[in-house]
Amino acid sequence: MAAFSSAEDGWSLPPQQGDRGCWKPAVCMNFCEAFLAFLKKVVTEDDPQLVHLFAWEPGSPVSYTQHRGAEHVFLPAWYVETMSGGKSPD
């Protein structure tokens, strides 16, 4: 298992001000764009046996861990095989 923090990449959730229960549409879209860009940097290996677990706590950057092996995999083998054009998962 490997552990990382988005602080290394300079990315974290934007601070929220004002109404604590609501997000403004622009803030939400900016978050989505930044998070997807972060995912693109982090998830670089196409491996159905590799699971990335992302976590966030208020006031902290997004962190993630990588888990390998059957214990963490949640996609069934038949699905992976079908989506990979009939190739058996390793």
PDB file of N, CA and C in Angstrom:
ATOM      1  N   MET A   1       0.852  -1.179   0.000  1.00  0.00           N
ATOM      2  CA  MET A   1       0.000   0.000   0.000  1.00  0.00           C
ATOM      3  C   MET A   1       0.893   1.235   0.000  1.00  0.00           C
ATOM      4  N   ALA A   2       0.579   2.167  -0.863  1.00  0.00           N
ATOM      5  CA  ALA A   2       1.328   3.421  -0.920  1.00  0.00           C
ATOM      6  C   ALA A   2       0.403   4.556  -0.509  1.00  0.00           C
ATOM      7  N   ALA A   3       0.917   5.509   0.240  1.00  0.00           N
ATOM      8  CA  ALA A   3       0.111   6.654   0.679  1.00  0.00           C
ATOM      9  C   ALA A   3       0.720   7.934   0.136  1.00  0.00           C
ATOM     10  N   PHE A   4      -0.134   8.825  -0.310  1.00  0.00           N
ATOM     11  CA  PHE A   4       0.313  10.077  -0.898  1.00  0.00           C
ATOM     12  C   PHE A   4      -0.588  11.198  -0.419  1.00  0.00           C
ATOM     13  N   SER A   5      -0.156  12.424  -0.622  1.00  0.00           N
ATOM     14  CA  SER A   5      -0.974  13.585  -0.292  1.00  0.00           C
ATOM     15  C   SER A   5      -0.965  14.530  -1.473  1.00  0.00           C
ATOM     16  N   SER A   6      -2.096  15.132  -1.758  1.00  0.00           N
ATOM     17  CA  SER A   6      -2.163  16.077  -2.864  1.00  0.00           C
ATOM     18  C   SER A   6      -1.366  17.334  -2.579  1.00  0.00           C
ATOM     19  N   ALA A   7      -0.972  17.542  -1.327  1.00  0.00           N
ATOM     20  CA  ALA A   7      -0.153  18.709  -1.000  1.00  0.00           C
ATOM     21  C   ALA A   7       1.162  18.648  -1.769  1.00  0.00           C
ATOM     22  N   GLU A   8       1.631  17.426  -2.042  1.00  0.00           N
ATOM     23  CA  GLU A   8       2.852  17.256  -2.828  1.00  0.00           C
ATOM     24  C   GLU A   8       2.670  17.817  -4.231  1.00  0.00           C
ATOM     25  N   ASP A   9       1.454  17.705  -4.760  1.00  0.00           N
ATOM     26  CA  ASP A   9       1.157  18.181  -6.103  1.00  0.00           C
ATOM     27  C   ASP A   9       0.602  19.597  -6.099  1.00  0.00           C
ATOM     28  N   GLY A  10       0.446  20.188  -4.912  1.00  0.00           N
ATOM     29  CA  GLY A  10      -0.054  21.550  -4.815  1.00  0.00           C
ATOM     30  C   GLY A  10      -1.543  21.681  -5.056  1.00  0.00           C
ATOM     31  N   TRP A  11      -2.309  20.653  -4.753  1.00  0.00           N
ATOM     32  CA  TRP A  11      -3.741  20.695  -5.001  1.00  0.00           C
ATOM     33  C   TRP A  11      -4.505  20.404  -3.727  1.00  0.00           C
ATOM     34  N   SER A  12      -5.530  21.204  -3.454  1.00  0.00           N
ATOM     35  CA  SER A  12      -6.435  20.932  -2.337  1.00  0.00           C
ATOM     36  C   SER A  12      -7.780  21.565  -2.644  1.00  0.00           C
ATOM     37  N   LEU A  13      -8.776  21.227  -1.857  1.00  0.00           N
ATOM     38  CA  LEU A  13     -10.105  21.789  -2.064  1.00  0.00           C
ATOM     39  C   LEU A  13     -10.102  23.280  -1.766  1.00  0.00           C
ATOM     40  N   PRO A  14     -10.900  24.047  -2.518  1.00  0.00           N
ATOM     41  CA  PRO A  14     -10.957  25.486  -2.248  1.00  0.00           C
ATOM     42  C   PRO A  14     -11.651  25.759  -0.924  1.00  0.00           C
ATOM     43  N   PRO A  15     -11.204  26.765  -0.186  1.00  0.00           N
ATOM     44  CA  PRO A  15     -11.882  27.095   1.072  1.00  0.00           C
ATOM     45  C   PRO A  15     -13.284  27.612   0.778  1.00  0.00           C
ATOM     46  N   GLN A  16     -14.244  27.205   1.588  1.00  0.00           N
ATOM     47  CA  GLN A  16     -15.625  27.637   1.410  1.00  0.00           C
ATOM     48  C   GLN A  16     -15.935  28.753   2.395  1.00  0.00           C
ATOM     49  N   GLN A  17     -16.571  29.779   1.888  1.00  0.00           N
ATOM     50  CA  GLN A  17     -16.941  30.905   2.736  1.00  0.00           C
ATOM     51  C   GLN A  17     -18.443  31.114   2.640  1.00  0.00           C
ATOM     52  N   GLY A  18     -18.988  31.790   3.597  1.00  0.00           N
ATOM     53  CA  GLY A  18     -20.419  32.090   3.560  1.00  0.00           C
ATOM     54  C   GLY A  18     -21.248  30.917   4.034  1.00  0.00           C
ATOM     55  N   ASP A  19     -22.301  30.617   3.294  1.00  0.00           N
ATOM     56  CA  ASP A  19     -23.249  29.570   3.659  1.00  0.00           C
ATOM     57  C   ASP A  19     -22.568  28.200   3.650  1.00  0.00           C
ATOM     58  N   ARG A  20     -22.460  27.570   4.820  1.00  0.00           N
ATOM     59  CA  ARG A  20     -21.712  26.318   4.958  1.00  0.00           C
ATOM     60  C   ARG A  20     -22.381  25.131   4.264  1.00  0.00           C
ATOM     61  N   GLY A  21     -23.672  25.195   4.041  1.00  0.00           N
ATOM     62  CA  GLY A  21     -24.371  24.059   3.463  1.00  0.00           C
ATOM     63  C   GLY A  21     -24.476  24.083   1.949  1.00  0.00           C
ATOM     64  N   CYS A  22     -24.066  25.166   1.325  1.00  0.00           N
ATOM     65  CA  CYS A  22     -24.284  25.311  -0.114  1.00  0.00           C
ATOM     66  C   CYS A  22     -22.989  25.578  -0.868  1.00  0.00           C
ATOM     67  N   TRP A  23     -22.933  25.066  -2.059  1.00  0.00           N
ATOM     68  CA  TRP A  23     -21.823  25.357  -2.969  1.00  0.00           C
ATOM     69  C   TRP A  23     -22.382  26.159  -4.126  1.00  0.00           C
ATOM     70  N   LYS A  24     -21.639  27.117  -4.573  1.00  0.00           N
ATOM     71  CA  LYS A  24     -22.022  27.869  -5.754  1.00  0.00           C
ATOM     72  C   LYS A  24     -21.650  27.027  -6.977  1.00  0.00           C
ATOM     73  N   PRO A  25     -22.439  27.106  -8.058  1.00  0.00           N
ATOM     74  CA  PRO A  25     -22.149  26.292  -9.239  1.00  0.00           C
ATOM     75  C   PRO A  25     -20.721  26.472  -9.764  1.00  0.00           C
ATOM     76  N   ALA A  26     -20.226  27.699  -9.803  1.00  0.00           N
ATOM     77  CA  ALA A  26     -18.873  27.932 -10.318  1.00  0.00           C
ATOM     78  C   ALA A  26     -17.824  27.272  -9.428  1.00  0.00           C
ATOM     79  N   VAL A  27     -18.035  27.321  -8.118  1.00  0.00           N
ATOM     80  CA  VAL A  27     -17.097  26.691  -7.183  1.00  0.00           C
ATOM     81  C   VAL A  27     -17.107  25.182  -7.392  1.00  0.00           C
ATOM     82  N   CYS A  28     -18.296  24.617  -7.553  1.00  0.00           N
ATOM     83  CA  CYS A  28     -18.429  23.176  -7.761  1.00  0.00           C
ATOM     84  C   CYS A  28     -17.733  22.750  -9.058  1.00  0.00           C
ATOM     85  N   MET A  29     -17.945  23.489 -10.130  1.00  0.00           N
ATOM     86  CA  MET A  29     -17.318  23.146 -11.413  1.00  0.00           C
ATOM     87  C   MET A  29     -15.806  23.316 -11.346  1.00  0.00           C
ATOM     88  N   ASN A  30     -15.341  24.351 -10.668  1.00  0.00           N
ATOM     89  CA  ASN A  30     -13.893  24.532 -10.509  1.00  0.00           C
ATOM     90  C   ASN A  30     -13.292  23.380  -9.715  1.00  0.00           C
ATOM     91  N   PHE A  31     -14.005  22.944  -8.661  1.00  0.00           N
ATOM     92  CA  PHE A  31     -13.548  21.795  -7.885  1.00  0.00           C
ATOM     93  C   PHE A  31     -13.465  20.554  -8.771  1.00  0.00           C
ATOM     94  N   CYS A  32     -14.523  20.301  -9.531  1.00  0.00           N
ATOM     95  CA  CYS A  32     -14.540  19.116 -10.404  1.00  0.00           C
ATOM     96  C   CYS A  32     -13.391  19.151 -11.406  1.00  0.00           C
ATOM     97  N   GLU A  33     -13.165  20.299 -12.011  1.00  0.00           N
ATOM     98  CA  GLU A  33     -12.076  20.429 -12.985  1.00  0.00           C
ATOM     99  C   GLU A  33     -10.721  20.171 -12.322  1.00  0.00           C
ATOM    100  N   ALA A  34     -10.507  20.752 -11.145  1.00  0.00           N
ATOM    101  CA  ALA A  34      -9.236  20.568 -10.443  1.00  0.00           C
ATOM    102  C   ALA A  34      -9.066  19.122  -9.978  1.00  0.00           C
ATOM    103  N   PHE A  35     -10.136  18.508  -9.471  1.00  0.00           N
ATOM    104  CA  PHE A  35     -10.044  17.133  -8.989  1.00  0.00           C
ATOM    105  C   PHE A  35      -9.789  16.170 -10.143  1.00  0.00           C
ATOM    106  N   LEU A  36     -10.462  16.368 -11.273  1.00  0.00           N
ATOM    107  CA  LEU A  36     -10.232  15.500 -12.427  1.00  0.00           C
ATOM    108  C   LEU A  36      -8.812  15.656 -12.967  1.00  0.00           C
ATOM    109  N   ALA A  37      -8.270  16.868 -12.947  1.00  0.00           N
ATOM    110  CA  ALA A  37      -6.873  17.073 -13.355  1.00  0.00           C
ATOM    111  C   ALA A  37      -5.934  16.351 -12.389  1.00  0.00           C
ATOM    112  N   PHE A  38      -6.252  16.399 -11.087  1.00  0.00           N
ATOM    113  CA  PHE A  38      -5.467  15.685 -10.079  1.00  0.00           C
ATOM    114  C   PHE A  38      -5.533  14.177 -10.327  1.00  0.00           C
ATOM    115  N   LEU A  39      -6.727  13.660 -10.620  1.00  0.00           N
ATOM    116  CA  LEU A  39      -6.872  12.231 -10.917  1.00  0.00           C
ATOM    117  C   LEU A  39      -6.025  11.826 -12.118  1.00  0.00           C
ATOM    118  N   LYS A  40      -6.002  12.679 -13.125  1.00  0.00           N
ATOM    119  CA  LYS A  40      -5.229  12.383 -14.334  1.00  0.00           C
ATOM    120  C   LYS A  40      -3.741  12.244 -14.017  1.00  0.00           C
ATOM    121  N   LYS A  41      -3.250  13.034 -13.065  1.00  0.00           N
ATOM    122  CA  LYS A  41      -1.848  12.929 -12.640  1.00  0.00           C
ATOM    123  C   LYS A  41      -1.599  11.662 -11.830  1.00  0.00           C
ATOM    124  N   VAL A  42      -2.562  11.312 -10.987  1.00  0.00           N
ATOM    125  CA  VAL A  42      -2.384  10.227 -10.021  1.00  0.00           C
ATOM    126  C   VAL A  42      -2.622   8.848 -10.639  1.00  0.00           C
ATOM    127  N   VAL A  43      -3.708   8.711 -11.380  1.00  0.00           N
ATOM    128  CA  VAL A  43      -4.092   7.412 -11.934  1.00  0.00           C
ATOM    129  C   VAL A  43      -3.460   7.280 -13.315  1.00  0.00           C
ATOM    130  N   THR A  44      -2.266   6.714 -13.351  1.00  0.00           N
ATOM    131  CA  THR A  44      -1.514   6.621 -14.605  1.00  0.00           C
ATOM    132  C   THR A  44      -1.375   5.189 -15.107  1.00  0.00           C
ATOM    133  N   GLU A  45      -1.818   4.230 -14.318  1.00  0.00           N
ATOM    134  CA  GLU A  45      -1.661   2.821 -14.670  1.00  0.00           C
ATOM    135  C   GLU A  45      -3.029   2.194 -14.900  1.00  0.00           C
ATOM    136  N   ASP A  46      -3.213   1.579 -16.070  1.00  0.00           N
ATOM    137  CA  ASP A  46      -4.467   0.905 -16.393  1.00  0.00           C
ATOM    138  C   ASP A  46      -4.369  -0.534 -15.900  1.00  0.00           C
ATOM    139  N   ASP A  47      -4.813  -0.753 -14.675  1.00  0.00           N
ATOM    140  CA  ASP A  47      -4.686  -2.064 -14.042  1.00  0.00           C
ATOM    141  C   ASP A  47      -5.927  -2.325 -13.200  1.00  0.00           C
ATOM    142  N   PRO A  48      -6.771  -3.298 -13.605  1.00  0.00           N
ATOM    143  CA  PRO A  48      -7.985  -3.571 -12.837  1.00  0.00           C
ATOM    144  C   PRO A  48      -7.705  -4.125 -11.438  1.00  0.00           C
ATOM    145  N   GLN A  49      -6.461  -4.492 -11.153  1.00  0.00           N
ATOM    146  CA  GLN A  49      -6.093  -4.997  -9.828  1.00  0.00           C
ATOM    147  C   GLN A  49      -5.602  -3.881  -8.908  1.00  0.00           C
ATOM    148  N   LEU A  50      -5.550  -2.650  -9.419  1.00  0.00           N
ATOM    149  CA  LEU A  50      -5.070  -1.508  -8.647  1.00  0.00           C
ATOM    150  C   LEU A  50      -6.247  -0.594  -8.304  1.00  0.00           C
ATOM    151  N   VAL A  51      -6.456  -0.358  -7.018  1.00  0.00           N
ATOM    152  CA  VAL A  51      -7.552   0.491  -6.545  1.00  0.00           C
ATOM    153  C   VAL A  51      -6.952   1.729  -5.887  1.00  0.00           C
ATOM    154  N   HIS A  52      -7.466   2.902  -6.263  1.00  0.00           N
ATOM    155  CA  HIS A  52      -7.058   4.165  -5.647  1.00  0.00           C
ATOM    156  C   HIS A  52      -8.180   4.604  -4.708  1.00  0.00           C
ATOM    157  N   LEU A  53      -7.848   4.859  -3.464  1.00  0.00           N
ATOM    158  CA  LEU A  53      -8.824   5.316  -2.476  1.00  0.00           C
ATOM    159  C   LEU A  53      -8.498   6.760  -2.116  1.00  0.00           C
ATOM    160  N   PHE A  54      -9.432   7.675  -2.402  1.00  0.00           N
ATOM    161  CA  PHE A  54      -9.235   9.096  -2.141  1.00  0.00           C
ATOM    162  C   PHE A  54      -9.990   9.493  -0.879  1.00  0.00           C
ATOM    163  N   ALA A  55      -9.395  10.384  -0.100  1.00  0.00           N
ATOM    164  CA  ALA A  55     -10.017  10.855   1.141  1.00  0.00           C
ATOM    165  C   ALA A  55      -9.753  12.346   1.301  1.00  0.00           C
ATOM    166  N   TRP A  56     -10.690  13.011   1.960  1.00  0.00           N
ATOM    167  CA  TRP A  56     -10.533  14.437   2.231  1.00  0.00           C
ATOM    168  C   TRP A  56     -11.148  14.754   3.577  1.00  0.00           C
ATOM    169  N   GLU A  57     -10.459  15.526   4.352  1.00  0.00           N
ATOM    170  CA  GLU A  57     -10.949  16.058   5.624  1.00  0.00           C
ATOM    171  C   GLU A  57     -10.905  17.580   5.525  1.00  0.00           C
ATOM    172  N   PRO A  58     -11.917  18.284   6.030  1.00  0.00           N
ATOM    173  CA  PRO A  58     -11.915  19.747   5.960  1.00  0.00           C
ATOM    174  C   PRO A  58     -10.613  20.338   6.499  1.00  0.00           C
ATOM    175  N   GLY A  59     -10.079  21.274   5.746  1.00  0.00           N
ATOM    176  CA  GLY A  59      -8.844  21.943   6.144  1.00  0.00           C
ATOM    177  C   GLY A  59      -7.585  21.199   5.753  1.00  0.00           C
ATOM    178  N   SER A  60      -7.745  20.040   5.125  1.00  0.00           N
ATOM    179  CA  SER A  60      -6.589  19.238   4.714  1.00  0.00           C
ATOM    180  C   SER A  60      -6.631  19.018   3.208  1.00  0.00           C
ATOM    181  N   PRO A  61      -5.485  18.721   2.625  1.00  0.00           N
ATOM    182  CA  PRO A  61      -5.487  18.397   1.199  1.00  0.00           C
ATOM    183  C   PRO A  61      -6.074  17.006   0.966  1.00  0.00           C
ATOM    184  N   VAL A  62      -6.451  16.736  -0.264  1.00  0.00           N
ATOM    185  CA  VAL A  62      -6.920  15.405  -0.638  1.00  0.00           C
ATOM    186  C   VAL A  62      -5.739  14.449  -0.532  1.00  0.00           C
ATOM    187  N   SER A  63      -5.984  13.280   0.032  1.00  0.00           N
ATOM    188  CA  SER A  63      -4.940  12.256   0.115  1.00  0.00           C
ATOM    189  C   SER A  63      -5.454  10.999  -0.567  1.00  0.00           C
ATOM    190  N   TYR A  64      -4.545  10.122  -0.920  1.00  0.00           N
ATOM    191  CA  TYR A  64      -4.979   8.862  -1.514  1.00  0.00           C
ATOM    192  C   TYR A  64      -4.012   7.749  -1.169  1.00  0.00           C
ATOM    193  N   THR A  65      -4.545   6.539  -1.241  1.00  0.00           N
ATOM    194  CA  THR A  65      -3.733   5.343  -1.058  1.00  0.00           C
ATOM    195  C   THR A  65      -3.983   4.431  -2.249  1.00  0.00           C
ATOM    196  N   GLN A  66      -2.997   3.625  -2.563  1.00  0.00           N
ATOM    197  CA  GLN A  66      -3.124   2.646  -3.635  1.00  0.00           C
ATOM    198  C   GLN A  66      -3.152   1.258  -3.004  1.00  0.00           C
ATOM    199  N   HIS A  67      -4.089   0.437  -3.478  1.00  0.00           N
ATOM    200  CA  HIS A  67      -4.242  -0.924  -2.966  1.00  0.00           C
ATOM    201  C   HIS A  67      -4.229  -1.888  -4.147  1.00  0.00           C
ATOM    202  N   ARG A  68      -3.464  -2.947  -4.021  1.00  0.00           N
ATOM    203  CA  ARG A  68      -3.362  -3.953  -5.072  1.00  0.00           C
ATOM    204  C   ARG A  68      -3.819  -5.305  -4.540  1.00  0.00           C
ATOM    205  N   GLY A  69      -4.499  -6.050  -5.382  1.00  0.00           N
ATOM    206  CA  GLY A  69      -4.850  -7.416  -5.022  1.00  0.00           C
ATOM    207  C   GLY A  69      -6.338  -7.641  -4.862  1.00  0.00           C
ATOM    208  N   ALA A  70      -6.701  -8.901  -4.831  1.00  0.00           N
ATOM    209  CA  ALA A  70      -8.099  -9.319  -4.822  1.00  0.00           C
ATOM    210  C   ALA A  70      -8.885  -8.781  -3.630  1.00  0.00           C
ATOM    211  N   GLU A  71      -8.226  -8.523  -2.530  1.00  0.00           N
ATOM    212  CA  GLU A  71      -8.918  -8.038  -1.337  1.00  0.00           C
ATOM    213  C   GLU A  71      -9.614  -6.696  -1.584  1.00  0.00           C
ATOM    214  N   HIS A  72      -9.057  -5.865  -2.460  1.00  0.00           N
ATOM    215  CA  HIS A  72      -9.570  -4.511  -2.677  1.00  0.00           C
ATOM    216  C   HIS A  72     -10.321  -4.336  -3.996  1.00  0.00           C
ATOM    217  N   VAL A  73     -10.184  -5.271  -4.905  1.00  0.00           N
ATOM    218  CA  VAL A  73     -10.801  -5.151  -6.225  1.00  0.00           C
ATOM    219  C   VAL A  73     -12.314  -5.322  -6.103  1.00  0.00           C
ATOM    220  N   PHE A  74     -13.055  -4.460  -6.783  1.00  0.00           N
ATOM    221  CA  PHE A  74     -14.514  -4.547  -6.694  1.00  0.00           C
ATOM    222  C   PHE A  74     -15.177  -4.798  -8.039  1.00  0.00           C
ATOM    223  N   LEU A  75     -14.419  -4.731  -9.151  1.00  0.00           N
ATOM    224  CA  LEU A  75     -14.989  -5.056 -10.454  1.00  0.00           C
ATOM    225  C   LEU A  75     -14.875  -6.561 -10.671  1.00  0.00           C
ATOM    226  N   PRO A  76     -15.982  -7.234 -11.016  1.00  0.00           N
ATOM    227  CA  PRO A  76     -15.898  -8.675 -11.240  1.00  0.00           C
ATOM    228  C   PRO A  76     -15.050  -8.989 -12.476  1.00  0.00           C
ATOM    229  N   ALA A  77     -14.395 -10.145 -12.461  1.00  0.00           N
ATOM    230  CA  ALA A  77     -13.501 -10.549 -13.557  1.00  0.00           C
ATOM    231  C   ALA A  77     -14.234 -10.572 -14.894  1.00  0.00           C
ATOM    232  N   TRP A  78     -15.500 -11.029 -14.913  1.00  0.00           N
ATOM    233  CA  TRP A  78     -16.242 -11.091 -16.171  1.00  0.00           C
ATOM    234  C   TRP A  78     -16.417  -9.697 -16.770  1.00  0.00           C
ATOM    235  N   TYR A  79     -16.602  -8.686 -15.927  1.00  0.00           N
ATOM    236  CA  TYR A  79     -16.774  -7.315 -16.409  1.00  0.00           C
ATOM    237  C   TYR A  79     -15.468  -6.788 -17.003  1.00  0.00           C
ATOM    238  N   VAL A  80     -14.370  -6.992 -16.289  1.00  0.00           N
ATOM    239  CA  VAL A  80     -13.058  -6.542 -16.770  1.00  0.00           C
ATOM    240  C   VAL A  80     -12.738  -7.217 -18.096  1.00  0.00           C
ATOM    241  N   GLU A  81     -13.015  -8.516 -18.190  1.00  0.00           N
ATOM    242  CA  GLU A  81     -12.743  -9.258 -19.427  1.00  0.00           C
ATOM    243  C   GLU A  81     -13.589  -8.728 -20.581  1.00  0.00           C
ATOM    244  N   THR A  82     -14.862  -8.471 -20.326  1.00  0.00           N
ATOM    245  CA  THR A  82     -15.752  -7.943 -21.363  1.00  0.00           C
ATOM    246  C   THR A  82     -15.301  -6.560 -21.825  1.00  0.00           C
ATOM    247  N   MET A  83     -14.956  -5.693 -20.888  1.00  0.00           N
ATOM    248  CA  MET A  83     -14.552  -4.329 -21.221  1.00  0.00           C
ATOM    249  C   MET A  83     -13.172  -4.266 -21.874  1.00  0.00           C
ATOM    250  N   SER A  84     -12.350  -5.277 -21.681  1.00  0.00           N
ATOM    251  CA  SER A  84     -11.009  -5.269 -22.283  1.00  0.00           C
ATOM    252  C   SER A  84     -10.987  -6.054 -23.591  1.00  0.00           C
ATOM    253  N   GLY A  85     -12.155  -6.310 -24.160  1.00  0.00           N
ATOM    254  CA  GLY A  85     -12.226  -6.976 -25.453  1.00  0.00           C
ATOM    255  C   GLY A  85     -11.931  -8.464 -25.395  1.00  0.00           C
ATOM    256  N   GLY A  86     -12.266  -9.101 -24.300  1.00  0.00           N
ATOM    257  CA  GLY A  86     -12.080 -10.536 -24.187  1.00  0.00           C
ATOM    258  C   GLY A  86     -10.755 -10.969 -23.615  1.00  0.00           C
ATOM    259  N   LYS A  87      -9.884 -10.004 -23.292  1.00  0.00           N
ATOM    260  CA  LYS A  87      -8.598 -10.346 -22.682  1.00  0.00           C
ATOM    261  C   LYS A  87      -8.821 -10.670 -21.217  1.00  0.00           C
ATOM    262  N   SER A  88      -8.226 -11.734 -20.764  1.00  0.00           N
ATOM    263  CA  SER A  88      -8.344 -12.141 -19.367  1.00  0.00           C
ATOM    264  C   SER A  88      -7.554 -11.197 -18.478  1.00  0.00           C
ATOM    265  N   PRO A  89      -8.118 -10.759 -17.314  1.00  0.00           N
ATOM    266  CA  PRO A  89      -7.356  -9.898 -16.404  1.00  0.00           C
ATOM    267  C   PRO A  89      -6.176 -10.655 -15.812  1.00  0.00           C
ATOM    268  N   ASP A  90      -5.063  -9.955 -15.627  1.00  0.00           N
ATOM    269  CA  ASP A  90      -3.856 -10.586 -15.069  1.00  0.00           C
ATOM    270  C   ASP A  90      -3.991 -10.824 -13.602  1.00  0.00           C
TER     271      ASP A  90
END
